[in-house]
């Protein structure tokens, strides 16, 4: 089914920017596409996907710190945000992590007496696995947050987006979080597995000027690439956008390649409700309208509760 809105076809692969190496601050272009070292494959383009050439997108902020209004908004969202922890089960990765009671499987000798007695009241003739022991299980979610910073997301919209990043980063500090800002190109502000520093993420996002067209397909492809490195269980992507997709290919196939995609649709101005719904459906997730920054915590909580 064709898109209701006809997007502009790009004549070159979108660029990916990442934080500058060596602590220089700012964002630099690290490749011409998300194809990891391959050329764009488009007519008239022969350059490799990754070069040594540095293209600066933004410089580090001028020492003013995070906008106090955005910081306050992030705290408001965070105060309402209470995401459920990942499910614990015996298939979890054992080692450092939360202490959990599990059936004995030849590992831990730390017997959970209360748990074992409870089992034995129902099974007078116990078997080995009826002994309950305490082990540390490491259950981590892997989430990619893609945030629209295109020209249609100026003003209050981008402030709400930045506050959402800060609040979610604080809530998911024990998990693996990646953050992407996108317009017709995209910036990888945080990769999965990297340390999460909420205020630094706020600074980095607010330093990117809201500009350009909206290419929703590109961040979804990048999110799929990030999540391909982790188990699909508890892996997900969240898209915060008005979904006014006006550049690049149809984003619905990219949404379908994600283990789960929830769409936080900013409806405070122009938006595409139909495409937002189709993206969420393709990504086996939910469409969650956001009318005000106070809606964000409830919307994100509903996304993670599923």
C-alpha atoms as a PDB file:
ATOM      1  CA  UNK A   1       0.000   0.000   0.000  1.00  0.00           C
ATOM      2  CA  UNK A   2       1.560   3.333  -1.020  1.00  0.00           C
ATOM      3  CA  UNK A   3       2.228   6.068   1.524  1.00  0.00           C
ATOM      4  CA  UNK A   4      -0.464   8.724   1.756  1.00  0.00           C
ATOM      5  CA  UNK A   5       2.223  11.443   1.741  1.00  0.00           C
ATOM      6  CA  UNK A   6       4.763  11.226  -1.090  1.00  0.00           C
ATOM      7  CA  UNK A   7       8.250  11.720   0.428  1.00  0.00           C
ATOM      8  CA  UNK A   8      11.144  13.330  -1.389  1.00  0.00           C
ATOM      9  CA  UNK A   9      13.497  10.764  -2.879  1.00  0.00           C
ATOM     10  CA  UNK A  10      17.057  11.318  -1.680  1.00  0.00           C
ATOM     11  CA  UNK A  11      19.846  11.297  -4.291  1.00  0.00           C
ATOM     12  CA  UNK A  12      22.487  10.142  -1.774  1.00  0.00           C
ATOM     13  CA  UNK A  13      22.612   7.923   1.267  1.00  0.00           C
ATOM     14  CA  UNK A  14      21.905   9.789   4.516  1.00  0.00           C
ATOM     15  CA  UNK A  15      24.855  10.583   6.774  1.00  0.00           C
ATOM     16  CA  UNK A  16      25.459   9.190  10.233  1.00  0.00           C
ATOM     17  CA  UNK A  17      27.091  11.430  12.847  1.00  0.00           C
ATOM     18  CA  UNK A  18      28.605  10.264  16.137  1.00  0.00           C
ATOM     19  CA  UNK A  19      30.316  11.921  19.118  1.00  0.00           C
ATOM     20  CA  UNK A  20      33.844  12.998  18.257  1.00  0.00           C
ATOM     21  CA  UNK A  21      36.598  10.673  19.442  1.00  0.00           C
ATOM     22  CA  UNK A  22      39.193  11.749  21.963  1.00  0.00           C
ATOM     23  CA  UNK A  23      36.847  13.893  24.000  1.00  0.00           C
ATOM     24  CA  UNK A  24      36.791  16.749  21.488  1.00  0.00           C
ATOM     25  CA  UNK A  25      33.064  17.218  21.894  1.00  0.00           C
ATOM     26  CA  UNK A  26      30.550  17.828  19.131  1.00  0.00           C
ATOM     27  CA  UNK A  27      29.368  15.394  16.480  1.00  0.00           C
ATOM     28  CA  UNK A  28      31.270  14.283  13.391  1.00  0.00           C
ATOM     29  CA  UNK A  29      30.232  12.397  10.293  1.00  0.00           C
ATOM     30  CA  UNK A  30      31.565   8.848  10.572  1.00  0.00           C
ATOM     31  CA  UNK A  31      30.093   7.357   7.413  1.00  0.00           C
ATOM     32  CA  UNK A  32      27.880   8.037   4.446  1.00  0.00           C
ATOM     33  CA  UNK A  33      25.279   5.408   5.354  1.00  0.00           C
ATOM     34  CA  UNK A  34      24.283   2.714   7.778  1.00  0.00           C
ATOM     35  CA  UNK A  35      25.741  -0.040   5.622  1.00  0.00           C
ATOM     36  CA  UNK A  36      28.954  -0.412   7.578  1.00  0.00           C
ATOM     37  CA  UNK A  37      31.742   0.216   5.143  1.00  0.00           C
ATOM     38  CA  UNK A  38      29.865  -0.341   1.905  1.00  0.00           C
ATOM     39  CA  UNK A  39      29.342   2.346  -0.649  1.00  0.00           C
ATOM     40  CA  UNK A  40      25.950   3.884  -1.131  1.00  0.00           C
ATOM     41  CA  UNK A  41      25.345   1.931  -4.342  1.00  0.00           C
ATOM     42  CA  UNK A  42      23.569   4.934  -5.832  1.00  0.00           C
ATOM     43  CA  UNK A  43      24.317   6.189  -9.344  1.00  0.00           C
ATOM     44  CA  UNK A  44      27.174   8.668  -9.404  1.00  0.00           C
ATOM     45  CA  UNK A  45      28.470   7.812  -5.933  1.00  0.00           C
ATOM     46  CA  UNK A  46      31.735   5.912  -5.740  1.00  0.00           C
ATOM     47  CA  UNK A  47      33.010   6.907  -2.297  1.00  0.00           C
ATOM     48  CA  UNK A  48      33.156   4.251   0.411  1.00  0.00           C
ATOM     49  CA  UNK A  49      30.576   4.319   3.188  1.00  0.00           C
ATOM     50  CA  UNK A  50      33.211   5.210   5.795  1.00  0.00           C
ATOM     51  CA  UNK A  51      36.127   7.549   5.249  1.00  0.00           C
ATOM     52  CA  UNK A  52      38.771   9.356   7.300  1.00  0.00           C
ATOM     53  CA  UNK A  53      37.177  12.657   6.402  1.00  0.00           C
ATOM     54  CA  UNK A  54      35.669  14.482   9.361  1.00  0.00           C
ATOM     55  CA  UNK A  55      32.444  16.409   8.856  1.00  0.00           C
ATOM     56  CA  UNK A  56      31.434  18.435  11.895  1.00  0.00           C
ATOM     57  CA  UNK A  57      27.720  18.731  12.592  1.00  0.00           C
ATOM     58  CA  UNK A  58      27.750  20.677  15.849  1.00  0.00           C
ATOM     59  CA  UNK A  59      30.352  21.965  18.257  1.00  0.00           C
ATOM     60  CA  UNK A  60      30.084  21.371  21.988  1.00  0.00           C
ATOM     61  CA  UNK A  61      27.766  23.782  23.833  1.00  0.00           C
ATOM     62  CA  UNK A  62      29.266  27.004  25.195  1.00  0.00           C
ATOM     63  CA  UNK A  63      29.409  25.910  28.793  1.00  0.00           C
ATOM     64  CA  UNK A  64      25.889  27.085  29.614  1.00  0.00           C
ATOM     65  CA  UNK A  65      24.795  23.628  30.690  1.00  0.00           C
ATOM     66  CA  UNK A  66      21.367  22.144  30.171  1.00  0.00           C
ATOM     67  CA  UNK A  67      18.482  24.580  29.697  1.00  0.00           C
ATOM     68  CA  UNK A  68      16.919  24.878  33.189  1.00  0.00           C
ATOM     69  CA  UNK A  69      13.403  24.610  31.734  1.00  0.00           C
ATOM     70  CA  UNK A  70      14.291  21.362  29.961  1.00  0.00           C
ATOM     71  CA  UNK A  71      16.018  20.022  33.070  1.00  0.00           C
ATOM     72  CA  UNK A  72      12.885  20.779  35.139  1.00  0.00           C
ATOM     73  CA  UNK A  73      10.707  19.112  32.523  1.00  0.00           C
ATOM     74  CA  UNK A  74      12.937  16.034  32.516  1.00  0.00           C
ATOM     75  CA  UNK A  75      12.619  15.814  36.291  1.00  0.00           C
ATOM     76  CA  UNK A  76       8.829  16.082  36.039  1.00  0.00           C
ATOM     77  CA  UNK A  77       8.731  13.232  33.545  1.00  0.00           C
ATOM     78  CA  UNK A  78      11.178  11.150  35.579  1.00  0.00           C
ATOM     79  CA  UNK A  79       9.116  11.610  38.755  1.00  0.00           C
ATOM     80  CA  UNK A  80       6.116  10.039  37.007  1.00  0.00           C
ATOM     81  CA  UNK A  81       8.099   7.337  35.228  1.00  0.00           C
ATOM     82  CA  UNK A  82       8.153   3.896  36.859  1.00  0.00           C
ATOM     83  CA  UNK A  83       9.001   1.209  34.332  1.00  0.00           C
ATOM     84  CA  UNK A  84       8.550  -2.451  35.278  1.00  0.00           C
ATOM     85  CA  UNK A  85      11.788  -4.398  35.597  1.00  0.00           C
ATOM     86  CA  UNK A  86      12.466  -7.127  33.007  1.00  0.00           C
ATOM     87  CA  UNK A  87      10.979 -10.521  33.703  1.00  0.00           C
ATOM     88  CA  UNK A  88      13.144 -12.935  35.687  1.00  0.00           C
ATOM     89  CA  UNK A  89      13.301 -16.588  34.711  1.00  0.00           C
ATOM     90  CA  UNK A  90      15.743 -19.476  34.637  1.00  0.00           C
ATOM     91  CA  UNK A  91      16.790 -18.597  31.091  1.00  0.00           C
ATOM     92  CA  UNK A  92      18.302 -15.337  32.311  1.00  0.00           C
ATOM     93  CA  UNK A  93      22.037 -14.750  32.236  1.00  0.00           C
ATOM     94  CA  UNK A  94      23.522 -15.717  35.585  1.00  0.00           C
ATOM     95  CA  UNK A  95      26.278 -13.772  37.253  1.00  0.00           C
ATOM     96  CA  UNK A  96      26.207 -10.246  38.634  1.00  0.00           C
ATOM     97  CA  UNK A  97      22.760  -8.760  38.921  1.00  0.00           C
ATOM     98  CA  UNK A  98      19.559  -9.052  40.922  1.00  0.00           C
ATOM     99  CA  UNK A  99      19.276 -11.829  43.510  1.00  0.00           C
ATOM    100  CA  UNK A 100      16.564 -14.301  42.511  1.00  0.00           C
ATOM    101  CA  UNK A 101      15.177 -17.592  43.840  1.00  0.00           C
ATOM    102  CA  UNK A 102      15.516 -20.407  41.303  1.00  0.00           C
ATOM    103  CA  UNK A 103      15.204 -24.217  41.145  1.00  0.00           C
ATOM    104  CA  UNK A 104      18.499 -25.939  41.952  1.00  0.00           C
ATOM    105  CA  UNK A 105      20.438 -26.933  38.829  1.00  0.00           C
ATOM    106  CA  UNK A 106      23.800 -27.911  40.204  1.00  0.00           C
ATOM    107  CA  UNK A 107      25.090 -24.380  40.652  1.00  0.00           C
ATOM    108  CA  UNK A 108      24.543 -22.287  43.764  1.00  0.00           C
ATOM    109  CA  UNK A 109      24.677 -23.859  47.246  1.00  0.00           C
ATOM    110  CA  UNK A 110      22.879 -20.865  48.837  1.00  0.00           C
ATOM    111  CA  UNK A 111      19.583 -22.572  49.728  1.00  0.00           C
ATOM    112  CA  UNK A 112      16.472 -20.425  49.989  1.00  0.00           C
ATOM    113  CA  UNK A 113      14.909 -22.161  53.020  1.00  0.00           C
ATOM    114  CA  UNK A 114      11.575 -20.346  52.891  1.00  0.00           C
ATOM    115  CA  UNK A 115      11.169 -21.037  49.196  1.00  0.00           C
ATOM    116  CA  UNK A 116      12.203 -24.673  49.550  1.00  0.00           C
ATOM    117  CA  UNK A 117       9.815 -25.295  52.476  1.00  0.00           C
ATOM    118  CA  UNK A 118       6.961 -23.771  50.477  1.00  0.00           C
ATOM    119  CA  UNK A 119       7.635 -26.185  47.620  1.00  0.00           C
ATOM    120  CA  UNK A 120       7.994 -29.191  49.929  1.00  0.00           C
ATOM    121  CA  UNK A 121       4.579 -28.570  51.525  1.00  0.00           C
ATOM    122  CA  UNK A 122       3.070 -29.457  48.155  1.00  0.00           C
ATOM    123  CA  UNK A 123       5.542 -32.241  47.256  1.00  0.00           C
ATOM    124  CA  UNK A 124       6.197 -34.627  50.159  1.00  0.00           C
ATOM    125  CA  UNK A 125       8.648 -36.642  48.029  1.00  0.00           C
ATOM    126  CA  UNK A 126      10.961 -33.954  46.655  1.00  0.00           C
ATOM    127  CA  UNK A 127      13.166 -34.149  43.608  1.00  0.00           C
ATOM    128  CA  UNK A 128      16.431 -32.294  43.124  1.00  0.00           C
ATOM    129  CA  UNK A 129      14.857 -29.374  41.281  1.00  0.00           C
ATOM    130  CA  UNK A 130      12.414 -28.821  44.160  1.00  0.00           C
ATOM    131  CA  UNK A 131      15.277 -27.346  46.173  1.00  0.00           C
ATOM    132  CA  UNK A 132      15.172 -23.551  45.782  1.00  0.00           C
ATOM    133  CA  UNK A 133      18.476 -21.672  45.777  1.00  0.00           C
ATOM    134  CA  UNK A 134      19.436 -18.008  45.519  1.00  0.00           C
ATOM    135  CA  UNK A 135      21.423 -16.924  42.488  1.00  0.00           C
ATOM    136  CA  UNK A 136      22.174 -13.622  40.874  1.00  0.00           C
ATOM    137  CA  UNK A 137      20.514 -13.253  37.498  1.00  0.00           C
ATOM    138  CA  UNK A 138      21.364 -10.444  35.161  1.00  0.00           C
ATOM    139  CA  UNK A 139      18.329  -9.343  33.166  1.00  0.00           C
ATOM    140  CA  UNK A 140      18.917  -6.243  31.067  1.00  0.00           C
ATOM    141  CA  UNK A 141      16.661  -4.585  28.576  1.00  0.00           C
ATOM    142  CA  UNK A 142      18.079  -3.235  25.345  1.00  0.00           C
ATOM    143  CA  UNK A 143      16.239  -0.180  24.068  1.00  0.00           C
ATOM    144  CA  UNK A 144      16.884   2.239  21.215  1.00  0.00           C
ATOM    145  CA  UNK A 145      15.205   5.645  21.443  1.00  0.00           C
ATOM    146  CA  UNK A 146      14.931   7.464  18.102  1.00  0.00           C
ATOM    147  CA  UNK A 147      14.111  11.157  18.518  1.00  0.00           C
ATOM    148  CA  UNK A 148      12.915  13.410  15.706  1.00  0.00           C
ATOM    149  CA  UNK A 149      14.813  16.733  15.555  1.00  0.00           C
ATOM    150  CA  UNK A 150      13.739  17.728  12.048  1.00  0.00           C
ATOM    151  CA  UNK A 151      12.456  21.179  11.181  1.00  0.00           C
ATOM    152  CA  UNK A 152       8.901  20.300  12.176  1.00  0.00           C
ATOM    153  CA  UNK A 153       9.999  19.550  15.763  1.00  0.00           C
ATOM    154  CA  UNK A 154      11.103  23.047  16.783  1.00  0.00           C
ATOM    155  CA  UNK A 155      10.359  24.877  20.011  1.00  0.00           C
ATOM    156  CA  UNK A 156       8.309  23.097  22.649  1.00  0.00           C
ATOM    157  CA  UNK A 157       8.387  19.854  20.697  1.00  0.00           C
ATOM    158  CA  UNK A 158      12.157  19.501  20.790  1.00  0.00           C
ATOM    159  CA  UNK A 159      12.224  20.516  24.467  1.00  0.00           C
ATOM    160  CA  UNK A 160       9.756  17.740  25.265  1.00  0.00           C
ATOM    161  CA  UNK A 161      11.848  15.329  23.188  1.00  0.00           C
ATOM    162  CA  UNK A 162      15.009  16.289  25.067  1.00  0.00           C
ATOM    163  CA  UNK A 163      13.276  15.958  28.438  1.00  0.00           C
ATOM    164  CA  UNK A 164      12.044  12.512  27.418  1.00  0.00           C
ATOM    165  CA  UNK A 165      15.595  11.454  26.603  1.00  0.00           C
ATOM    166  CA  UNK A 166      16.850  12.679  29.966  1.00  0.00           C
ATOM    167  CA  UNK A 167      14.087  10.987  31.955  1.00  0.00           C
ATOM    168  CA  UNK A 168      14.327   7.690  30.080  1.00  0.00           C
ATOM    169  CA  UNK A 169      18.115   7.659  30.329  1.00  0.00           C
ATOM    170  CA  UNK A 170      17.883   8.050  34.120  1.00  0.00           C
ATOM    171  CA  UNK A 171      15.261   5.295  34.404  1.00  0.00           C
ATOM    172  CA  UNK A 172      17.203   2.866  32.189  1.00  0.00           C
ATOM    173  CA  UNK A 173      20.608   3.506  33.757  1.00  0.00           C
ATOM    174  CA  UNK A 174      20.883  -0.210  34.680  1.00  0.00           C
ATOM    175  CA  UNK A 175      19.957  -1.305  31.164  1.00  0.00           C
ATOM    176  CA  UNK A 176      21.445  -0.926  27.690  1.00  0.00           C
ATOM    177  CA  UNK A 177      20.163   2.232  26.007  1.00  0.00           C
ATOM    178  CA  UNK A 178      20.965   3.739  22.622  1.00  0.00           C
ATOM    179  CA  UNK A 179      19.802   7.205  21.581  1.00  0.00           C
ATOM    180  CA  UNK A 180      19.461   8.431  17.999  1.00  0.00           C
ATOM    181  CA  UNK A 181      18.531  11.936  16.891  1.00  0.00           C
ATOM    182  CA  UNK A 182      17.334  12.139  13.296  1.00  0.00           C
ATOM    183  CA  UNK A 183      16.212  14.467  10.554  1.00  0.00           C
ATOM    184  CA  UNK A 184      17.082  13.654   6.909  1.00  0.00           C
ATOM    185  CA  UNK A 185      20.371  12.360   8.420  1.00  0.00           C
ATOM    186  CA  UNK A 186      20.919  10.988  11.933  1.00  0.00           C
ATOM    187  CA  UNK A 187      23.239  11.301  14.912  1.00  0.00           C
ATOM    188  CA  UNK A 188      24.090   8.369  17.180  1.00  0.00           C
ATOM    189  CA  UNK A 189      24.283  10.096  20.561  1.00  0.00           C
ATOM    190  CA  UNK A 190      24.657   6.892  22.583  1.00  0.00           C
ATOM    191  CA  UNK A 191      25.368   3.322  21.523  1.00  0.00           C
ATOM    192  CA  UNK A 192      24.119   0.217  23.306  1.00  0.00           C
ATOM    193  CA  UNK A 193      26.434  -0.711  26.155  1.00  0.00           C
ATOM    194  CA  UNK A 194      27.967   2.747  26.550  1.00  0.00           C
ATOM    195  CA  UNK A 195      27.699   4.498  29.946  1.00  0.00           C
ATOM    196  CA  UNK A 196      24.451   6.443  30.277  1.00  0.00           C
ATOM    197  CA  UNK A 197      24.870  10.066  31.400  1.00  0.00           C
ATOM    198  CA  UNK A 198      21.440  11.749  31.200  1.00  0.00           C
ATOM    199  CA  UNK A 199      22.576  15.385  31.385  1.00  0.00           C
ATOM    200  CA  UNK A 200      25.242  14.865  28.731  1.00  0.00           C
ATOM    201  CA  UNK A 201      22.592  13.363  26.468  1.00  0.00           C
ATOM    202  CA  UNK A 202      20.363  16.377  27.053  1.00  0.00           C
ATOM    203  CA  UNK A 203      23.217  18.711  26.141  1.00  0.00           C
ATOM    204  CA  UNK A 204      24.074  16.763  22.998  1.00  0.00           C
ATOM    205  CA  UNK A 205      20.473  16.626  21.800  1.00  0.00           C
ATOM    206  CA  UNK A 206      19.766  20.301  22.426  1.00  0.00           C
ATOM    207  CA  UNK A 207      22.971  21.278  20.590  1.00  0.00           C
ATOM    208  CA  UNK A 208      21.554  19.850  17.348  1.00  0.00           C
ATOM    209  CA  UNK A 209      19.557  22.533  15.510  1.00  0.00           C
ATOM    210  CA  UNK A 210      16.033  21.454  14.568  1.00  0.00           C
ATOM    211  CA  UNK A 211      16.213  21.527  10.789  1.00  0.00           C
ATOM    212  CA  UNK A 212      15.766  19.613   7.582  1.00  0.00           C
ATOM    213  CA  UNK A 213      13.316  17.026   6.347  1.00  0.00           C
ATOM    214  CA  UNK A 214      12.082  13.973   8.249  1.00  0.00           C
ATOM    215  CA  UNK A 215      13.499  10.608   7.170  1.00  0.00           C
ATOM    216  CA  UNK A 216      11.894   8.078   9.527  1.00  0.00           C
ATOM    217  CA  UNK A 217      13.264   5.040   7.703  1.00  0.00           C
ATOM    218  CA  UNK A 218      16.930   5.830   8.439  1.00  0.00           C
ATOM    219  CA  UNK A 219      16.803   5.748  12.272  1.00  0.00           C
ATOM    220  CA  UNK A 220      14.676   2.602  12.183  1.00  0.00           C
ATOM    221  CA  UNK A 221      17.320   0.882  10.049  1.00  0.00           C
ATOM    222  CA  UNK A 222      20.016   2.039  12.467  1.00  0.00           C
ATOM    223  CA  UNK A 223      17.959   0.832  15.435  1.00  0.00           C
ATOM    224  CA  UNK A 224      17.571  -2.604  13.838  1.00  0.00           C
ATOM    225  CA  UNK A 225      21.337  -2.768  13.350  1.00  0.00           C
ATOM    226  CA  UNK A 226      21.970  -1.901  17.018  1.00  0.00           C
ATOM    227  CA  UNK A 227      19.441  -4.428  18.315  1.00  0.00           C
ATOM    228  CA  UNK A 228      20.713  -7.194  16.013  1.00  0.00           C
ATOM    229  CA  UNK A 229      23.677  -7.561  18.395  1.00  0.00           C
ATOM    230  CA  UNK A 230      21.514  -8.500  21.404  1.00  0.00           C
ATOM    231  CA  UNK A 231      18.885 -11.183  22.167  1.00  0.00           C
ATOM    232  CA  UNK A 232      15.428 -10.186  20.990  1.00  0.00           C
ATOM    233  CA  UNK A 233      13.923 -10.806  24.423  1.00  0.00           C
ATOM    234  CA  UNK A 234      13.308  -7.430  26.064  1.00  0.00           C
ATOM    235  CA  UNK A 235      14.787  -5.649  23.026  1.00  0.00           C
ATOM    236  CA  UNK A 236      12.767  -2.760  21.662  1.00  0.00           C
ATOM    237  CA  UNK A 237      12.802   0.585  19.909  1.00  0.00           C
ATOM    238  CA  UNK A 238      10.843   3.735  20.709  1.00  0.00           C
ATOM    239  CA  UNK A 239      10.192   6.378  18.076  1.00  0.00           C
ATOM    240  CA  UNK A 240       9.361   9.913  19.251  1.00  0.00           C
ATOM    241  CA  UNK A 241       8.190  11.876  16.222  1.00  0.00           C
ATOM    242  CA  UNK A 242       5.309  13.610  14.500  1.00  0.00           C
ATOM    243  CA  UNK A 243       5.725  10.913  11.787  1.00  0.00           C
ATOM    244  CA  UNK A 244       5.552  13.510   9.018  1.00  0.00           C
ATOM    245  CA  UNK A 245       7.837  11.379   6.842  1.00  0.00           C
ATOM    246  CA  UNK A 246       8.797  13.563   3.881  1.00  0.00           C
ATOM    247  CA  UNK A 247      12.196  12.224   2.784  1.00  0.00           C
ATOM    248  CA  UNK A 248      13.626   8.805   2.002  1.00  0.00           C
ATOM    249  CA  UNK A 249      12.115   5.345   1.478  1.00  0.00           C
ATOM    250  CA  UNK A 250       8.970   3.902   2.997  1.00  0.00           C
ATOM    251  CA  UNK A 251       9.755   3.369   6.716  1.00  0.00           C
ATOM    252  CA  UNK A 252       7.220   0.570   7.260  1.00  0.00           C
ATOM    253  CA  UNK A 253       9.510  -2.288   6.097  1.00  0.00           C
ATOM    254  CA  UNK A 254      12.221  -0.995   8.472  1.00  0.00           C
ATOM    255  CA  UNK A 255       9.689  -0.991  11.330  1.00  0.00           C
ATOM    256  CA  UNK A 256       8.790  -4.596  10.569  1.00  0.00           C
ATOM    257  CA  UNK A 257      12.429  -5.685  11.020  1.00  0.00           C
ATOM    258  CA  UNK A 258      12.494  -4.508  14.634  1.00  0.00           C
ATOM    259  CA  UNK A 259      11.684  -6.912  17.491  1.00  0.00           C
ATOM    260  CA  UNK A 260       9.266  -4.278  18.817  1.00  0.00           C
ATOM    261  CA  UNK A 261       8.553  -0.670  17.950  1.00  0.00           C
ATOM    262  CA  UNK A 262       6.396   1.679  20.015  1.00  0.00           C
ATOM    263  CA  UNK A 263       5.565   5.066  18.514  1.00  0.00           C
ATOM    264  CA  UNK A 264       5.278   8.132  20.741  1.00  0.00           C
ATOM    265  CA  UNK A 265       3.390  10.382  18.330  1.00  0.00           C
ATOM    266  CA  UNK A 266       3.697  14.116  19.012  1.00  0.00           C
ATOM    267  CA  UNK A 267       0.261  15.476  18.118  1.00  0.00           C
ATOM    268  CA  UNK A 268       0.788  19.077  19.274  1.00  0.00           C
ATOM    269  CA  UNK A 269       1.111  20.283  15.670  1.00  0.00           C
ATOM    270  CA  UNK A 270       1.149  18.757  12.212  1.00  0.00           C
ATOM    271  CA  UNK A 271       1.408  14.973  12.472  1.00  0.00           C
ATOM    272  CA  UNK A 272       0.631  11.822  10.505  1.00  0.00           C
ATOM    273  CA  UNK A 273      -1.611   9.633  12.646  1.00  0.00           C
ATOM    274  CA  UNK A 274      -2.100   7.033   9.939  1.00  0.00           C
ATOM    275  CA  UNK A 275       1.614   6.432   9.357  1.00  0.00           C
ATOM    276  CA  UNK A 276       2.288   6.385  13.109  1.00  0.00           C
ATOM    277  CA  UNK A 277      -0.345   3.681  13.512  1.00  0.00           C
ATOM    278  CA  UNK A 278       1.053   1.677  10.589  1.00  0.00           C
ATOM    279  CA  UNK A 279       4.593   1.850  11.969  1.00  0.00           C
ATOM    280  CA  UNK A 280       3.464   0.623  15.392  1.00  0.00           C
ATOM    281  CA  UNK A 281       1.461  -2.197  13.802  1.00  0.00           C
ATOM    282  CA  UNK A 282       4.397  -3.264  11.613  1.00  0.00           C
ATOM    283  CA  UNK A 283       6.675  -3.181  14.677  1.00  0.00           C
ATOM    284  CA  UNK A 284       4.282  -5.203  16.875  1.00  0.00           C
ATOM    285  CA  UNK A 285       4.011  -2.272  19.272  1.00  0.00           C
ATOM    286  CA  UNK A 286       1.685   0.523  20.330  1.00  0.00           C
ATOM    287  CA  UNK A 287       0.808   3.954  19.025  1.00  0.00           C
ATOM    288  CA  UNK A 288       0.908   6.352  21.989  1.00  0.00           C
ATOM    289  CA  UNK A 289      -0.163   9.972  21.330  1.00  0.00           C
ATOM    290  CA  UNK A 290       1.691  12.691  23.273  1.00  0.00           C
ATOM    291  CA  UNK A 291      -0.090  16.054  23.614  1.00  0.00           C
ATOM    292  CA  UNK A 292       2.032  17.517  26.411  1.00  0.00           C
ATOM    293  CA  UNK A 293       5.232  16.607  28.240  1.00  0.00           C
ATOM    294  CA  UNK A 294       3.017  15.396  31.100  1.00  0.00           C
ATOM    295  CA  UNK A 295       1.758  12.635  28.760  1.00  0.00           C
ATOM    296  CA  UNK A 296       5.234  11.209  28.210  1.00  0.00           C
ATOM    297  CA  UNK A 297       5.640   9.201  31.422  1.00  0.00           C
ATOM    298  CA  UNK A 298       2.283   7.459  30.997  1.00  0.00           C
ATOM    299  CA  UNK A 299       2.970   6.717  27.320  1.00  0.00           C
ATOM    300  CA  UNK A 300       6.446   5.289  27.977  1.00  0.00           C
ATOM    301  CA  UNK A 301       5.130   3.273  30.935  1.00  0.00           C
ATOM    302  CA  UNK A 302       2.421   1.756  28.736  1.00  0.00           C
ATOM    303  CA  UNK A 303       5.010   0.884  26.091  1.00  0.00           C
ATOM    304  CA  UNK A 304       7.248  -0.968  28.561  1.00  0.00           C
ATOM    305  CA  UNK A 305       4.338  -2.667  30.328  1.00  0.00           C
ATOM    306  CA  UNK A 306       3.520  -4.680  27.220  1.00  0.00           C
END
